Amino acid sequence: MDWLTLGVNLVAGPAVAGAVANFVVTHRVERLRANWNKELQESQNQFSLGVSSHQAQVAFDKWATFCELYMEETLRILNTRNTAGWFVAFDTAKLVRIRQRWAIWLPERLYDQLRVFEEGLANAGARTEETKNPCRSAPMFGNWLSISGNFWEPST
């Protein structure tokens, strides 16, 4: 074997292997991309059909109505609480009735979170007598703060 043959084998062998590997990888990537585009088109088509369906429109209307009713009652309770003070226990039965009436349109997780929110709202004033600070008065307020956020911190 002479130097020329050895040089060609050392250079051409890896070059050919690299070219074949590049072709295989490029071909595989193109196939994956084509499959992904096809799946994306199918899912977009299903989404478009689903969104434009009568059932989707009814579900959205029900969801919007629930949100309006629930927020209206929540704001009424919070306004009353801000006016009367945090030391008055309030009845959240109307919130519970709204949640239960619209339960079929609510995801299970949201339903459970709203239940905890309602309990926190109902118990917030009743448990603050000792400390006069609704954010730190009782263990129950861990739930209240996780739902409402720790954005309200009264001055001491």
N, C-alpha and C. Protein backbone atom coordinates (compact mmCIF):
# COMPACT_ATOMS: atom_id res chain seq x y z
N MET A 1 0.86 -1.16 0.00
CA MET A 1 0.00 0.00 0.00
C MET A 1 0.91 1.23 0.00
N ASP A 2 0.65 2.16 -0.87
CA ASP A 2 1.48 3.36 -0.93
C ASP A 2 0.81 4.51 -0.17
N TRP A 3 1.51 5.58 -0.08
CA TRP A 3 1.03 6.73 0.69
C TRP A 3 -0.23 7.34 0.09
N LEU A 4 -0.34 7.36 -1.20
CA LEU A 4 -1.50 7.94 -1.86
C LEU A 4 -2.77 7.15 -1.54
N THR A 5 -2.69 5.84 -1.62
CA THR A 5 -3.84 5.00 -1.30
C THR A 5 -4.21 5.14 0.17
N LEU A 6 -3.18 5.16 1.00
CA LEU A 6 -3.43 5.33 2.44
C LEU A 6 -4.09 6.68 2.71
N GLY A 7 -3.62 7.74 2.09
CA GLY A 7 -4.19 9.08 2.27
C GLY A 7 -5.63 9.16 1.79
N VAL A 8 -5.88 8.54 0.63
CA VAL A 8 -7.24 8.54 0.10
C VAL A 8 -8.16 7.76 1.03
N ASN A 9 -7.72 6.62 1.52
CA ASN A 9 -8.54 5.82 2.43
C ASN A 9 -8.79 6.55 3.74
N LEU A 10 -7.79 7.24 4.25
CA LEU A 10 -7.96 7.97 5.51
C LEU A 10 -8.88 9.17 5.35
N VAL A 11 -8.85 9.81 4.20
CA VAL A 11 -9.68 11.00 3.97
C VAL A 11 -11.04 10.61 3.41
N ALA A 12 -11.04 9.76 2.39
CA ALA A 12 -12.29 9.43 1.70
C ALA A 12 -13.21 8.57 2.56
N GLY A 13 -12.65 7.65 3.33
CA GLY A 13 -13.48 6.77 4.16
C GLY A 13 -14.35 7.56 5.13
N PRO A 14 -13.77 8.42 5.98
CA PRO A 14 -14.59 9.21 6.89
C PRO A 14 -15.48 10.21 6.16
N ALA A 15 -15.01 10.74 5.04
CA ALA A 15 -15.83 11.70 4.29
C ALA A 15 -17.09 11.03 3.75
N VAL A 16 -16.93 9.83 3.20
CA VAL A 16 -18.08 9.09 2.69
C VAL A 16 -19.02 8.72 3.84
N ALA A 17 -18.44 8.24 4.93
CA ALA A 17 -19.27 7.88 6.10
C ALA A 17 -20.01 9.11 6.63
N GLY A 18 -19.32 10.26 6.67
CA GLY A 18 -19.96 11.50 7.13
C GLY A 18 -21.06 11.93 6.20
N ALA A 19 -20.84 11.80 4.89
CA ALA A 19 -21.87 12.18 3.92
C ALA A 19 -23.09 11.27 4.05
N VAL A 20 -22.86 9.99 4.20
CA VAL A 20 -23.98 9.04 4.37
C VAL A 20 -24.74 9.35 5.67
N ALA A 21 -24.01 9.58 6.75
CA ALA A 21 -24.66 9.90 8.02
C ALA A 21 -25.44 11.20 7.91
N ASN A 22 -24.87 12.20 7.24
CA ASN A 22 -25.56 13.47 7.05
C ASN A 22 -26.84 13.26 6.26
N PHE A 23 -26.78 12.46 5.20
CA PHE A 23 -27.97 12.18 4.40
C PHE A 23 -29.04 11.48 5.24
N VAL A 24 -28.63 10.49 6.00
CA VAL A 24 -29.58 9.73 6.83
C VAL A 24 -30.23 10.65 7.86
N VAL A 25 -29.42 11.45 8.55
CA VAL A 25 -29.95 12.35 9.58
C VAL A 25 -30.86 13.40 8.95
N THR A 26 -30.45 13.98 7.84
CA THR A 26 -31.26 15.00 7.17
C THR A 26 -32.58 14.40 6.72
N HIS A 27 -32.51 13.20 6.14
CA HIS A 27 -33.74 12.53 5.70
C HIS A 27 -34.67 12.27 6.89
N ARG A 28 -34.12 11.80 7.98
CA ARG A 28 -34.92 11.52 9.18
C ARG A 28 -35.55 12.80 9.74
N VAL A 29 -34.77 13.88 9.78
CA VAL A 29 -35.29 15.16 10.28
C VAL A 29 -36.42 15.65 9.39
N GLU A 30 -36.26 15.53 8.09
CA GLU A 30 -37.32 15.96 7.17
C GLU A 30 -38.59 15.14 7.35
N ARG A 31 -38.43 13.84 7.56
CA ARG A 31 -39.61 12.99 7.82
C ARG A 31 -40.30 13.39 9.12
N LEU A 32 -39.51 13.63 10.16
CA LEU A 32 -40.09 14.07 11.44
C LEU A 32 -40.81 15.40 11.28
N ARG A 33 -40.18 16.32 10.55
CA ARG A 33 -40.78 17.64 10.34
C ARG A 33 -42.10 17.50 9.57
N ALA A 34 -42.12 16.65 8.54
CA ALA A 34 -43.33 16.44 7.76
C ALA A 34 -44.43 15.84 8.63
N ASN A 35 -44.08 14.85 9.44
CA ASN A 35 -45.07 14.25 10.35
C ASN A 35 -45.58 15.26 11.35
N TRP A 36 -44.69 16.08 11.89
CA TRP A 36 -45.09 17.09 12.87
C TRP A 36 -46.02 18.11 12.22
N ASN A 37 -45.69 18.56 10.99
CA ASN A 37 -46.56 19.51 10.30
C ASN A 37 -47.93 18.92 10.03
N LYS A 38 -47.96 17.64 9.66
CA LYS A 38 -49.24 16.97 9.40
C LYS A 38 -50.07 16.90 10.69
N GLU A 39 -49.44 16.51 11.80
CA GLU A 39 -50.14 16.44 13.08
C GLU A 39 -50.61 17.82 13.52
N LEU A 40 -49.79 18.84 13.28
CA LEU A 40 -50.16 20.21 13.65
C LEU A 40 -51.37 20.66 12.84
N GLN A 41 -51.37 20.38 11.55
CA GLN A 41 -52.52 20.74 10.72
C GLN A 41 -53.78 20.02 11.18
N GLU A 42 -53.66 18.74 11.49
CA GLU A 42 -54.82 17.98 11.96
C GLU A 42 -55.35 18.54 13.27
N SER A 43 -54.45 18.85 14.20
CA SER A 43 -54.91 19.38 15.49
C SER A 43 -55.51 20.78 15.32
N GLN A 44 -54.95 21.60 14.41
CA GLN A 44 -55.53 22.92 14.16
C GLN A 44 -56.91 22.78 13.53
N ASN A 45 -57.06 21.83 12.65
CA ASN A 45 -58.35 21.59 12.03
C ASN A 45 -59.37 21.13 13.07
N GLN A 46 -58.97 20.19 13.94
CA GLN A 46 -59.88 19.73 15.00
C GLN A 46 -60.24 20.87 15.93
N PHE A 47 -59.25 21.72 16.26
CA PHE A 47 -59.50 22.86 17.14
C PHE A 47 -60.49 23.82 16.48
N SER A 48 -60.28 24.11 15.20
CA SER A 48 -61.19 25.02 14.49
C SER A 48 -62.61 24.46 14.45
N LEU A 49 -62.73 23.17 14.17
CA LEU A 49 -64.06 22.56 14.17
C LEU A 49 -64.68 22.58 15.56
N GLY A 50 -63.86 22.31 16.58
CA GLY A 50 -64.37 22.29 17.95
C GLY A 50 -64.80 23.67 18.43
N VAL A 51 -64.01 24.68 18.11
CA VAL A 51 -64.33 26.03 18.57
C VAL A 51 -65.57 26.57 17.87
N SER A 52 -65.72 26.21 16.63
CA SER A 52 -66.87 26.74 15.89
C SER A 52 -68.14 25.91 16.10
N SER A 53 -68.06 24.87 16.90
CA SER A 53 -69.23 24.02 17.10
C SER A 53 -70.23 24.68 18.06
N HIS A 54 -71.44 24.24 17.95
CA HIS A 54 -72.50 24.74 18.82
C HIS A 54 -72.20 24.42 20.29
N GLN A 55 -71.70 23.22 20.54
CA GLN A 55 -71.41 22.80 21.90
C GLN A 55 -70.35 23.70 22.54
N ALA A 56 -69.33 24.07 21.77
CA ALA A 56 -68.28 24.96 22.30
C ALA A 56 -68.85 26.34 22.60
N GLN A 57 -69.72 26.82 21.76
CA GLN A 57 -70.32 28.13 22.00
C GLN A 57 -71.21 28.12 23.25
N VAL A 58 -71.96 27.05 23.42
CA VAL A 58 -72.80 26.92 24.61
C VAL A 58 -71.93 26.84 25.87
N ALA A 59 -70.87 26.03 25.80
CA ALA A 59 -69.98 25.90 26.96
C ALA A 59 -69.35 27.24 27.32
N PHE A 60 -68.92 28.00 26.32
CA PHE A 60 -68.33 29.31 26.59
C PHE A 60 -69.36 30.25 27.19
N ASP A 61 -70.57 30.26 26.66
CA ASP A 61 -71.62 31.12 27.21
C ASP A 61 -71.93 30.77 28.66
N LYS A 62 -72.00 29.47 28.96
CA LYS A 62 -72.25 29.04 30.34
C LYS A 62 -71.10 29.46 31.25
N TRP A 63 -69.87 29.28 30.76
CA TRP A 63 -68.70 29.67 31.55
C TRP A 63 -68.71 31.18 31.82
N ALA A 64 -69.01 31.98 30.81
CA ALA A 64 -69.04 33.43 30.98
C ALA A 64 -70.13 33.84 31.97
N THR A 65 -71.29 33.21 31.89
CA THR A 65 -72.38 33.52 32.81
C THR A 65 -71.98 33.16 34.24
N PHE A 66 -71.38 31.99 34.43
CA PHE A 66 -70.93 31.60 35.76
C PHE A 66 -69.93 32.62 36.31
N CYS A 67 -68.95 32.99 35.50
CA CYS A 67 -67.92 33.95 35.96
C CYS A 67 -68.55 35.27 36.37
N GLU A 68 -69.50 35.76 35.59
CA GLU A 68 -70.16 37.02 35.92
C GLU A 68 -70.90 36.92 37.25
N LEU A 69 -71.68 35.86 37.42
CA LEU A 69 -72.45 35.70 38.66
C LEU A 69 -71.53 35.54 39.87
N TYR A 70 -70.52 34.70 39.72
CA TYR A 70 -69.62 34.42 40.84
C TYR A 70 -68.83 35.66 41.24
N MET A 71 -68.32 36.38 40.26
CA MET A 71 -67.54 37.58 40.57
C MET A 71 -68.43 38.68 41.14
N GLU A 72 -69.64 38.80 40.65
CA GLU A 72 -70.56 39.79 41.19
C GLU A 72 -70.81 39.55 42.68
N GLU A 73 -71.06 38.29 43.03
CA GLU A 73 -71.29 37.96 44.44
C GLU A 73 -70.02 38.11 45.28
N THR A 74 -68.88 37.70 44.73
CA THR A 74 -67.61 37.85 45.45
C THR A 74 -67.32 39.32 45.72
N LEU A 75 -67.51 40.17 44.72
CA LEU A 75 -67.26 41.60 44.91
C LEU A 75 -68.26 42.21 45.90
N ARG A 76 -69.50 41.73 45.89
CA ARG A 76 -70.48 42.22 46.86
C ARG A 76 -70.02 41.88 48.28
N ILE A 77 -69.56 40.65 48.49
CA ILE A 77 -69.09 40.24 49.81
C ILE A 77 -67.87 41.06 50.22
N LEU A 78 -66.91 41.23 49.31
CA LEU A 78 -65.71 41.99 49.64
C LEU A 78 -66.03 43.47 49.91
N ASN A 79 -66.94 44.05 49.14
CA ASN A 79 -67.34 45.43 49.40
C ASN A 79 -68.01 45.57 50.77
N THR A 80 -68.89 44.62 51.09
CA THR A 80 -69.54 44.64 52.40
C THR A 80 -68.50 44.47 53.50
N ARG A 81 -67.56 43.58 53.27
CA ARG A 81 -66.52 43.33 54.25
C ARG A 81 -65.63 44.56 54.44
N ASN A 82 -65.32 45.25 53.37
CA ASN A 82 -64.52 46.46 53.47
C ASN A 82 -65.28 47.57 54.20
N THR A 83 -66.59 47.60 54.02
CA THR A 83 -67.41 48.61 54.69
C THR A 83 -67.63 48.27 56.16
N ALA A 84 -68.02 47.02 56.44
CA ALA A 84 -68.37 46.62 57.80
C ALA A 84 -67.15 46.22 58.62
N GLY A 85 -66.06 45.91 57.97
CA GLY A 85 -64.85 45.48 58.68
C GLY A 85 -64.65 43.98 58.57
N TRP A 86 -63.43 43.56 58.85
CA TRP A 86 -63.06 42.16 58.72
C TRP A 86 -63.49 41.31 59.90
N PHE A 87 -64.06 41.92 60.92
CA PHE A 87 -64.37 41.17 62.13
C PHE A 87 -65.81 40.68 62.16
N VAL A 88 -66.50 40.80 61.06
CA VAL A 88 -67.88 40.35 60.96
C VAL A 88 -67.89 39.09 60.09
N ALA A 89 -68.52 38.06 60.60
CA ALA A 89 -68.62 36.82 59.82
C ALA A 89 -69.70 36.99 58.76
N PHE A 90 -69.40 36.61 57.55
CA PHE A 90 -70.35 36.76 56.46
C PHE A 90 -70.78 35.40 55.94
N ASP A 91 -72.01 35.36 55.44
CA ASP A 91 -72.57 34.15 54.89
C ASP A 91 -72.20 34.07 53.41
N THR A 92 -71.52 33.03 53.03
CA THR A 92 -71.14 32.83 51.63
C THR A 92 -72.01 31.77 50.96
N ALA A 93 -73.19 31.56 51.50
CA ALA A 93 -74.08 30.52 50.96
C ALA A 93 -74.46 30.80 49.51
N LYS A 94 -74.58 32.08 49.14
CA LYS A 94 -74.94 32.39 47.76
C LYS A 94 -73.80 31.98 46.81
N LEU A 95 -72.56 32.19 47.24
CA LEU A 95 -71.43 31.74 46.42
C LEU A 95 -71.45 30.22 46.26
N VAL A 96 -71.75 29.53 47.36
CA VAL A 96 -71.82 28.06 47.31
C VAL A 96 -72.93 27.62 46.35
N ARG A 97 -74.08 28.28 46.43
CA ARG A 97 -75.20 27.93 45.53
C ARG A 97 -74.83 28.18 44.07
N ILE A 98 -74.15 29.29 43.80
CA ILE A 98 -73.73 29.58 42.42
C ILE A 98 -72.77 28.51 41.94
N ARG A 99 -71.78 28.17 42.78
CA ARG A 99 -70.80 27.14 42.40
C ARG A 99 -71.50 25.80 42.16
N GLN A 100 -72.41 25.43 43.03
CA GLN A 100 -73.08 24.15 42.88
C GLN A 100 -74.02 24.13 41.67
N ARG A 101 -74.67 25.24 41.40
CA ARG A 101 -75.58 25.32 40.26
C ARG A 101 -74.84 25.15 38.94
N TRP A 102 -73.64 25.70 38.86
CA TRP A 102 -72.87 25.68 37.62
C TRP A 102 -71.77 24.61 37.65
N ALA A 103 -71.84 23.68 38.57
CA ALA A 103 -70.78 22.67 38.75
C ALA A 103 -70.51 21.86 37.50
N ILE A 104 -71.52 21.60 36.71
CA ILE A 104 -71.32 20.77 35.52
C ILE A 104 -70.41 21.45 34.50
N TRP A 105 -70.30 22.77 34.57
CA TRP A 105 -69.49 23.52 33.62
C TRP A 105 -68.10 23.84 34.18
N LEU A 106 -67.81 23.39 35.39
CA LEU A 106 -66.54 23.71 36.03
C LEU A 106 -65.62 22.50 36.05
N PRO A 107 -64.33 22.71 35.78
CA PRO A 107 -63.38 21.62 35.97
C PRO A 107 -63.33 21.24 37.45
N GLU A 108 -63.09 19.98 37.73
CA GLU A 108 -63.11 19.49 39.11
C GLU A 108 -62.11 20.24 40.00
N ARG A 109 -60.93 20.50 39.47
CA ARG A 109 -59.89 21.20 40.25
C ARG A 109 -60.35 22.61 40.62
N LEU A 110 -60.96 23.33 39.67
CA LEU A 110 -61.46 24.67 39.96
C LEU A 110 -62.59 24.62 40.98
N TYR A 111 -63.46 23.63 40.85
CA TYR A 111 -64.55 23.47 41.81
C TYR A 111 -64.00 23.34 43.23
N ASP A 112 -62.97 22.51 43.39
CA ASP A 112 -62.36 22.33 44.72
C ASP A 112 -61.68 23.61 45.20
N GLN A 113 -61.00 24.31 44.31
CA GLN A 113 -60.33 25.55 44.70
C GLN A 113 -61.35 26.62 45.11
N LEU A 114 -62.46 26.69 44.41
CA LEU A 114 -63.49 27.65 44.78
C LEU A 114 -64.10 27.32 46.14
N ARG A 115 -64.25 26.03 46.43
CA ARG A 115 -64.76 25.63 47.74
C ARG A 115 -63.84 26.11 48.85
N VAL A 116 -62.54 25.93 48.66
CA VAL A 116 -61.57 26.39 49.66
C VAL A 116 -61.61 27.92 49.77
N PHE A 117 -61.73 28.60 48.63
CA PHE A 117 -61.82 30.06 48.63
C PHE A 117 -63.04 30.53 49.43
N GLU A 118 -64.17 29.87 49.22
CA GLU A 118 -65.39 30.25 49.92
C GLU A 118 -65.25 30.03 51.43
N GLU A 119 -64.63 28.91 51.81
CA GLU A 119 -64.41 28.66 53.24
C GLU A 119 -63.51 29.74 53.84
N GLY A 120 -62.47 30.10 53.12
CA GLY A 120 -61.57 31.14 53.59
C GLY A 120 -62.27 32.48 53.71
N LEU A 121 -63.08 32.79 52.74
CA LEU A 121 -63.83 34.05 52.77
C LEU A 121 -64.83 34.07 53.92
N ALA A 122 -65.50 32.96 54.15
CA ALA A 122 -66.49 32.89 55.22
C ALA A 122 -65.84 32.97 56.60
N ASN A 123 -64.67 32.35 56.74
CA ASN A 123 -64.03 32.29 58.06
C ASN A 123 -63.05 33.43 58.32
N ALA A 124 -62.78 34.24 57.34
CA ALA A 124 -61.75 35.28 57.49
C ALA A 124 -62.06 36.22 58.64
N GLY A 125 -63.27 36.72 58.70
CA GLY A 125 -63.61 37.67 59.76
C GLY A 125 -63.77 37.01 61.10
N ALA A 126 -64.28 35.80 61.13
CA ALA A 126 -64.58 35.13 62.39
C ALA A 126 -63.32 34.78 63.17
N ARG A 127 -62.19 34.62 62.52
CA ARG A 127 -60.97 34.17 63.19
C ARG A 127 -59.97 35.29 63.47
N THR A 128 -60.37 36.51 63.28
CA THR A 128 -59.40 37.60 63.44
C THR A 128 -59.55 38.36 64.74
N GLU A 129 -60.48 37.99 65.58
CA GLU A 129 -60.72 38.73 66.81
C GLU A 129 -59.49 38.81 67.70
N GLU A 130 -58.71 37.72 67.80
CA GLU A 130 -57.58 37.72 68.74
C GLU A 130 -56.48 38.66 68.30
N THR A 131 -56.13 38.64 67.05
CA THR A 131 -54.94 39.37 66.62
C THR A 131 -55.23 40.64 65.86
N LYS A 132 -56.45 40.85 65.44
CA LYS A 132 -56.85 42.00 64.65
C LYS A 132 -56.06 42.09 63.33
N ASN A 133 -55.52 40.98 62.86
CA ASN A 133 -54.78 40.95 61.61
C ASN A 133 -55.25 39.74 60.81
N PRO A 134 -56.10 39.96 59.80
CA PRO A 134 -56.66 38.82 59.08
C PRO A 134 -55.65 38.00 58.30
N CYS A 135 -54.46 38.52 58.09
CA CYS A 135 -53.47 37.75 57.34
C CYS A 135 -52.67 36.80 58.21
N ARG A 136 -52.69 37.00 59.52
CA ARG A 136 -51.82 36.18 60.38
C ARG A 136 -52.56 35.55 61.56
N SER A 137 -53.87 35.53 61.54
CA SER A 137 -54.56 35.18 62.76
C SER A 137 -54.72 33.70 63.02
N ALA A 138 -54.83 32.88 61.98
CA ALA A 138 -55.13 31.47 62.22
C ALA A 138 -54.52 30.61 61.13
N PRO A 139 -54.36 29.33 61.39
CA PRO A 139 -53.80 28.43 60.37
C PRO A 139 -54.63 28.40 59.10
N MET A 140 -55.92 28.65 59.20
CA MET A 140 -56.79 28.63 58.05
C MET A 140 -56.34 29.63 56.99
N PHE A 141 -55.63 30.67 57.38
CA PHE A 141 -55.29 31.72 56.43
C PHE A 141 -54.19 31.30 55.47
N GLY A 142 -53.58 30.16 55.69
CA GLY A 142 -52.68 29.64 54.67
C GLY A 142 -53.46 29.42 53.38
N ASN A 143 -54.68 28.87 53.49
CA ASN A 143 -55.52 28.68 52.31
C ASN A 143 -55.95 30.02 51.73
N TRP A 144 -56.35 30.94 52.60
CA TRP A 144 -56.81 32.25 52.14
C TRP A 144 -55.70 32.96 51.37
N LEU A 145 -54.48 32.94 51.90
CA LEU A 145 -53.38 33.62 51.22
C LEU A 145 -52.99 32.92 49.94
N SER A 146 -53.08 31.59 49.90
CA SER A 146 -52.72 30.89 48.67
C SER A 146 -53.72 31.18 47.57
N ILE A 147 -54.95 31.51 47.91
CA ILE A 147 -55.97 31.80 46.91
C ILE A 147 -55.95 33.28 46.54
N SER A 148 -55.93 34.14 47.56
CA SER A 148 -56.04 35.56 47.29
C SER A 148 -54.72 36.20 46.94
N GLY A 149 -53.62 35.52 47.25
CA GLY A 149 -52.31 36.12 47.04
C GLY A 149 -51.96 36.94 48.26
N ASN A 150 -50.72 37.16 48.48
CA ASN A 150 -50.30 37.93 49.66
C ASN A 150 -50.13 39.39 49.28
N PHE A 151 -51.12 39.93 48.56
CA PHE A 151 -51.00 41.31 48.11
C PHE A 151 -51.55 42.30 49.13
N TRP A 152 -52.34 41.83 50.07
CA TRP A 152 -52.90 42.74 51.05
C TRP A 152 -52.28 42.46 52.39
N GLU A 153 -51.54 43.39 52.88
CA GLU A 153 -50.89 43.25 54.17
C GLU A 153 -51.23 44.50 54.97
N PRO A 154 -52.13 44.43 55.94
CA PRO A 154 -52.52 45.62 56.66
C PRO A 154 -51.37 46.18 57.50
N SER A 155 -51.40 47.48 57.69
CA SER A 155 -50.38 48.10 58.52
C SER A 155 -50.62 47.74 59.99
N THR A 156 -49.56 47.57 60.75
CA THR A 156 -49.72 47.17 62.15
C THR A 156 -49.59 48.35 63.05
